[in-house]
Protein backbone atom coordinates (compact mmCIF):
# COMPACT_ATOMS: atom_id res chain seq x y z
CA UNK A 1 84.46 120.53 106.41
CA UNK A 2 83.78 119.81 102.78
CA UNK A 3 83.81 122.77 100.13
CA UNK A 4 83.06 121.05 97.06
CA UNK A 5 81.59 117.38 97.48
CA UNK A 6 84.86 114.91 97.37
CA UNK A 7 83.73 111.52 96.47
CA UNK A 8 84.99 108.53 99.23
CA UNK A 9 85.11 105.02 98.67
CA UNK A 10 84.90 102.70 101.64
CA UNK A 11 85.91 99.05 102.00
CA UNK A 12 85.11 97.01 105.01
CA UNK A 13 83.48 95.02 106.88
CA UNK A 14 79.58 95.79 106.28
CA UNK A 15 78.88 97.06 109.78
CA UNK A 16 81.85 98.99 109.86
CA UNK A 17 81.94 100.53 106.65
CA UNK A 18 78.26 101.34 106.69
CA UNK A 19 79.18 103.28 109.93
CA UNK A 20 81.90 104.67 108.12
CA UNK A 21 79.81 105.81 105.39
CA UNK A 22 77.24 107.89 107.08
CA UNK A 23 80.18 109.86 109.08
CA UNK A 24 81.93 110.55 106.02
CA UNK A 25 77.81 111.69 104.38
CA UNK A 26 77.63 113.59 107.73
CA UNK A 27 80.34 115.73 106.90
CA UNK A 28 79.41 116.22 103.06
CA UNK A 29 81.61 114.11 101.43
CA UNK A 30 79.16 111.93 98.50
CA UNK A 31 79.72 108.35 99.18
CA UNK A 32 80.52 106.41 96.05
CA UNK A 33 80.04 102.76 97.41
CA UNK A 34 81.06 100.24 100.12
CA UNK A 35 82.69 97.68 99.07
CA UNK A 36 83.65 94.57 101.07
CA UNK A 37 86.23 93.18 98.73
CA UNK A 38 89.35 94.54 97.12
CA UNK A 39 87.98 93.04 93.17
CA UNK A 40 84.70 94.94 94.10
CA UNK A 41 86.91 98.01 94.66
CA UNK A 42 88.92 97.73 92.02
CA UNK A 43 85.80 97.43 89.86
CA UNK A 44 84.22 100.40 91.03
CA UNK A 45 87.39 102.66 91.14
CA UNK A 46 87.95 101.14 87.94
CA UNK A 47 84.40 103.09 86.55
CA UNK A 48 84.87 106.42 88.23
CA UNK A 49 88.63 106.58 90.88
CA UNK A 50 87.72 108.44 93.81
CA UNK A 51 88.84 111.26 95.52
CA UNK A 52 89.45 109.47 98.53
CA UNK A 53 89.84 105.47 99.26
CA UNK A 54 89.00 104.60 102.86
CA UNK A 55 89.90 100.91 103.16
CA UNK A 56 90.49 98.35 106.65
CA UNK A 57 93.93 96.59 106.96
CA UNK A 58 92.89 93.46 105.08
CA UNK A 59 89.76 92.86 103.55
CA UNK A 60 88.64 88.62 102.38
CA UNK A 61 90.72 88.82 99.27
CA UNK A 62 93.01 91.66 99.61
CA UNK A 63 95.69 93.13 102.08
CA UNK A 64 94.91 96.96 102.10
CA UNK A 65 98.72 97.39 100.37
CA UNK A 66 98.37 95.05 97.35
CA UNK A 67 95.00 96.89 97.03
CA UNK A 68 96.67 100.79 96.91
CA UNK A 69 99.34 99.76 94.83
CA UNK A 70 96.81 97.99 92.10
CA UNK A 71 94.85 100.96 92.33
CA UNK A 72 97.01 104.15 90.19
CA UNK A 73 93.95 105.84 89.21
CA UNK A 74 92.99 106.88 93.56
CA UNK A 75 94.95 109.47 94.86
CA UNK A 76 94.49 109.35 97.96
CA UNK A 77 93.65 106.36 100.98
CA UNK A 78 92.92 105.88 104.50
CA UNK A 79 93.74 102.60 105.96
CA UNK A 80 92.40 101.63 109.00
CA UNK A 81 94.32 99.39 111.34
CA UNK A 82 94.93 97.99 114.29
CA UNK A 83 97.97 98.70 116.71
CA UNK A 84 99.96 95.28 116.04
CA UNK A 85 99.00 95.11 112.38
CA UNK A 86 101.93 98.07 112.18
CA UNK A 87 104.42 95.89 111.86
CA UNK A 88 102.98 94.16 108.29
CA UNK A 89 103.45 97.51 106.51
CA UNK A 90 106.28 98.65 104.25
CA UNK A 91 106.80 102.25 104.16
CA UNK A 92 103.57 103.80 102.23
CA UNK A 93 103.64 106.77 100.38
CA UNK A 94 102.18 110.32 101.63
CA UNK A 95 99.64 110.08 100.07
CA UNK A 96 98.51 107.24 102.03
CA UNK A 97 97.71 107.66 105.87
CA UNK A 98 97.53 104.99 108.63
CA UNK A 99 95.26 104.90 111.51
CA UNK A 100 94.65 103.25 114.43
CA UNK A 101 91.65 101.76 115.71
CA UNK A 102 89.70 102.76 117.83
CA UNK A 103 89.54 106.41 115.33
CA UNK A 104 87.59 109.45 116.54
CA UNK A 105 85.28 110.59 114.08
CA UNK A 106 87.26 114.48 114.14
CA UNK A 107 90.48 112.58 112.79
CA UNK A 108 88.91 110.63 110.27
CA UNK A 109 87.36 113.84 108.82
CA UNK A 110 90.55 116.37 109.28
CA UNK A 111 92.94 113.51 107.73
CA UNK A 112 90.09 112.89 104.75
CA UNK A 113 89.85 117.16 104.47
CA UNK A 114 93.66 117.48 104.36
CA UNK A 115 93.80 114.40 101.54
CA UNK A 116 90.99 115.66 99.40
CA UNK A 117 91.08 119.38 100.06
CA UNK A 118 95.12 119.75 99.79
CA UNK A 119 95.30 122.06 103.14
CA UNK A 120 97.88 122.39 105.72
CA UNK A 121 97.70 120.06 108.52
CA UNK A 122 96.20 121.67 111.41
CA UNK A 123 97.38 118.87 113.88
CA UNK A 124 100.23 116.12 113.39
CA UNK A 125 98.65 112.81 111.50
CA UNK A 126 99.27 109.96 113.19
CA UNK A 127 101.30 107.73 110.25
CA UNK A 128 102.98 104.33 110.18
CA UNK A 129 106.40 104.41 110.20
CA UNK A 130 108.19 100.81 109.35
CA UNK A 131 111.49 101.81 109.48
CA UNK A 132 111.40 102.20 112.93
CA UNK A 133 109.60 98.98 113.73
CA UNK A 134 111.69 96.88 111.68
CA UNK A 135 115.26 96.47 112.57
CA UNK A 136 118.23 96.77 110.04
CA UNK A 137 118.76 93.32 110.08
CA UNK A 138 115.23 92.24 109.18
CA UNK A 139 115.70 94.84 106.11
CA UNK A 140 118.74 93.23 104.96
CA UNK A 141 117.44 89.79 105.35
CA UNK A 142 113.87 91.19 103.09
CA UNK A 143 115.84 92.32 100.58
CA UNK A 144 118.20 89.48 100.22
CA UNK A 145 115.28 87.66 99.94
CA UNK A 146 113.55 89.52 97.78
CA UNK A 147 116.98 89.35 95.96
CA UNK A 148 116.78 85.77 95.50
CA UNK A 149 113.77 85.84 94.29
CA UNK A 150 114.43 88.21 91.55
CA UNK A 151 117.00 85.94 90.63
CA UNK A 152 115.52 82.94 90.43
CA UNK A 153 112.27 83.71 89.25
CA UNK A 154 112.73 86.72 87.27
CA UNK A 155 110.78 88.97 89.05
CA UNK A 156 110.69 92.49 89.39
CA UNK A 157 111.15 93.70 93.19
CA UNK A 158 107.39 94.57 93.52
CA UNK A 159 106.29 91.38 92.74
CA UNK A 160 109.01 90.11 95.37
CA UNK A 161 108.15 91.83 98.01
CA UNK A 162 104.31 91.28 97.17
CA UNK A 163 105.13 87.41 97.04
CA UNK A 164 106.77 87.76 100.32
CA UNK A 165 104.01 89.77 101.69
CA UNK A 166 101.54 86.88 100.88
CA UNK A 167 103.60 84.06 102.07
CA UNK A 168 104.23 85.71 105.32
CA UNK A 169 100.23 86.32 105.87
CA UNK A 170 99.06 82.85 104.77
CA UNK A 171 101.89 81.43 107.03
CA UNK A 172 101.09 83.74 110.15
CA UNK A 173 105.02 84.44 110.47
CA UNK A 174 106.36 87.67 110.33
CA UNK A 175 108.13 88.54 106.72
CA UNK A 176 111.74 88.37 108.39
CA UNK A 177 111.15 84.74 109.03
CA UNK A 178 109.53 84.05 105.45
CA UNK A 179 112.66 85.85 104.30
CA UNK A 180 115.44 83.48 106.55
CA UNK A 181 113.02 80.40 105.19
CA UNK A 182 113.41 81.42 101.48
CA UNK A 183 117.14 82.15 101.89
CA UNK A 184 117.57 78.63 103.84
CA UNK A 185 115.48 76.33 101.46
CA UNK A 186 116.31 78.28 97.78
């Protein structure tokens, strides 16, 4: 368990957020807030960065990956997602762990303990590795589309990637499909 009270910020739908809040509170964590939008998370985290952010894959106004990238002061994150949502994520930093639904309470708390206390991992932590999900050809197409966006619109690589990701999510198409459309049209 937690030796000193680590702070947790939870983001997700109301019922799920409250359930996760009860789990962390019972385990001795201090739950700062349960937020329901990316903007609310940013506001709370800006006032005082939490030790851990626990978020669902998609909030009403922000995908989790974009939220994580925008919160520089938050050191550790757990993203809860479904098996089908794995393909939407690109490689994440070691301080971000993805757990698929349904997640066991013990697994969630073990990952939280490891992230907040810096201890050794007792059990292997499930993690999304998109390198094995995306083919080399798909990655090349995405990279070419990002380069095209960077050249034409003066974006950084990160901005180009986010733009592709946003278009992909809004259109309901996979990123490689959107990238191919960009390469054909622009």
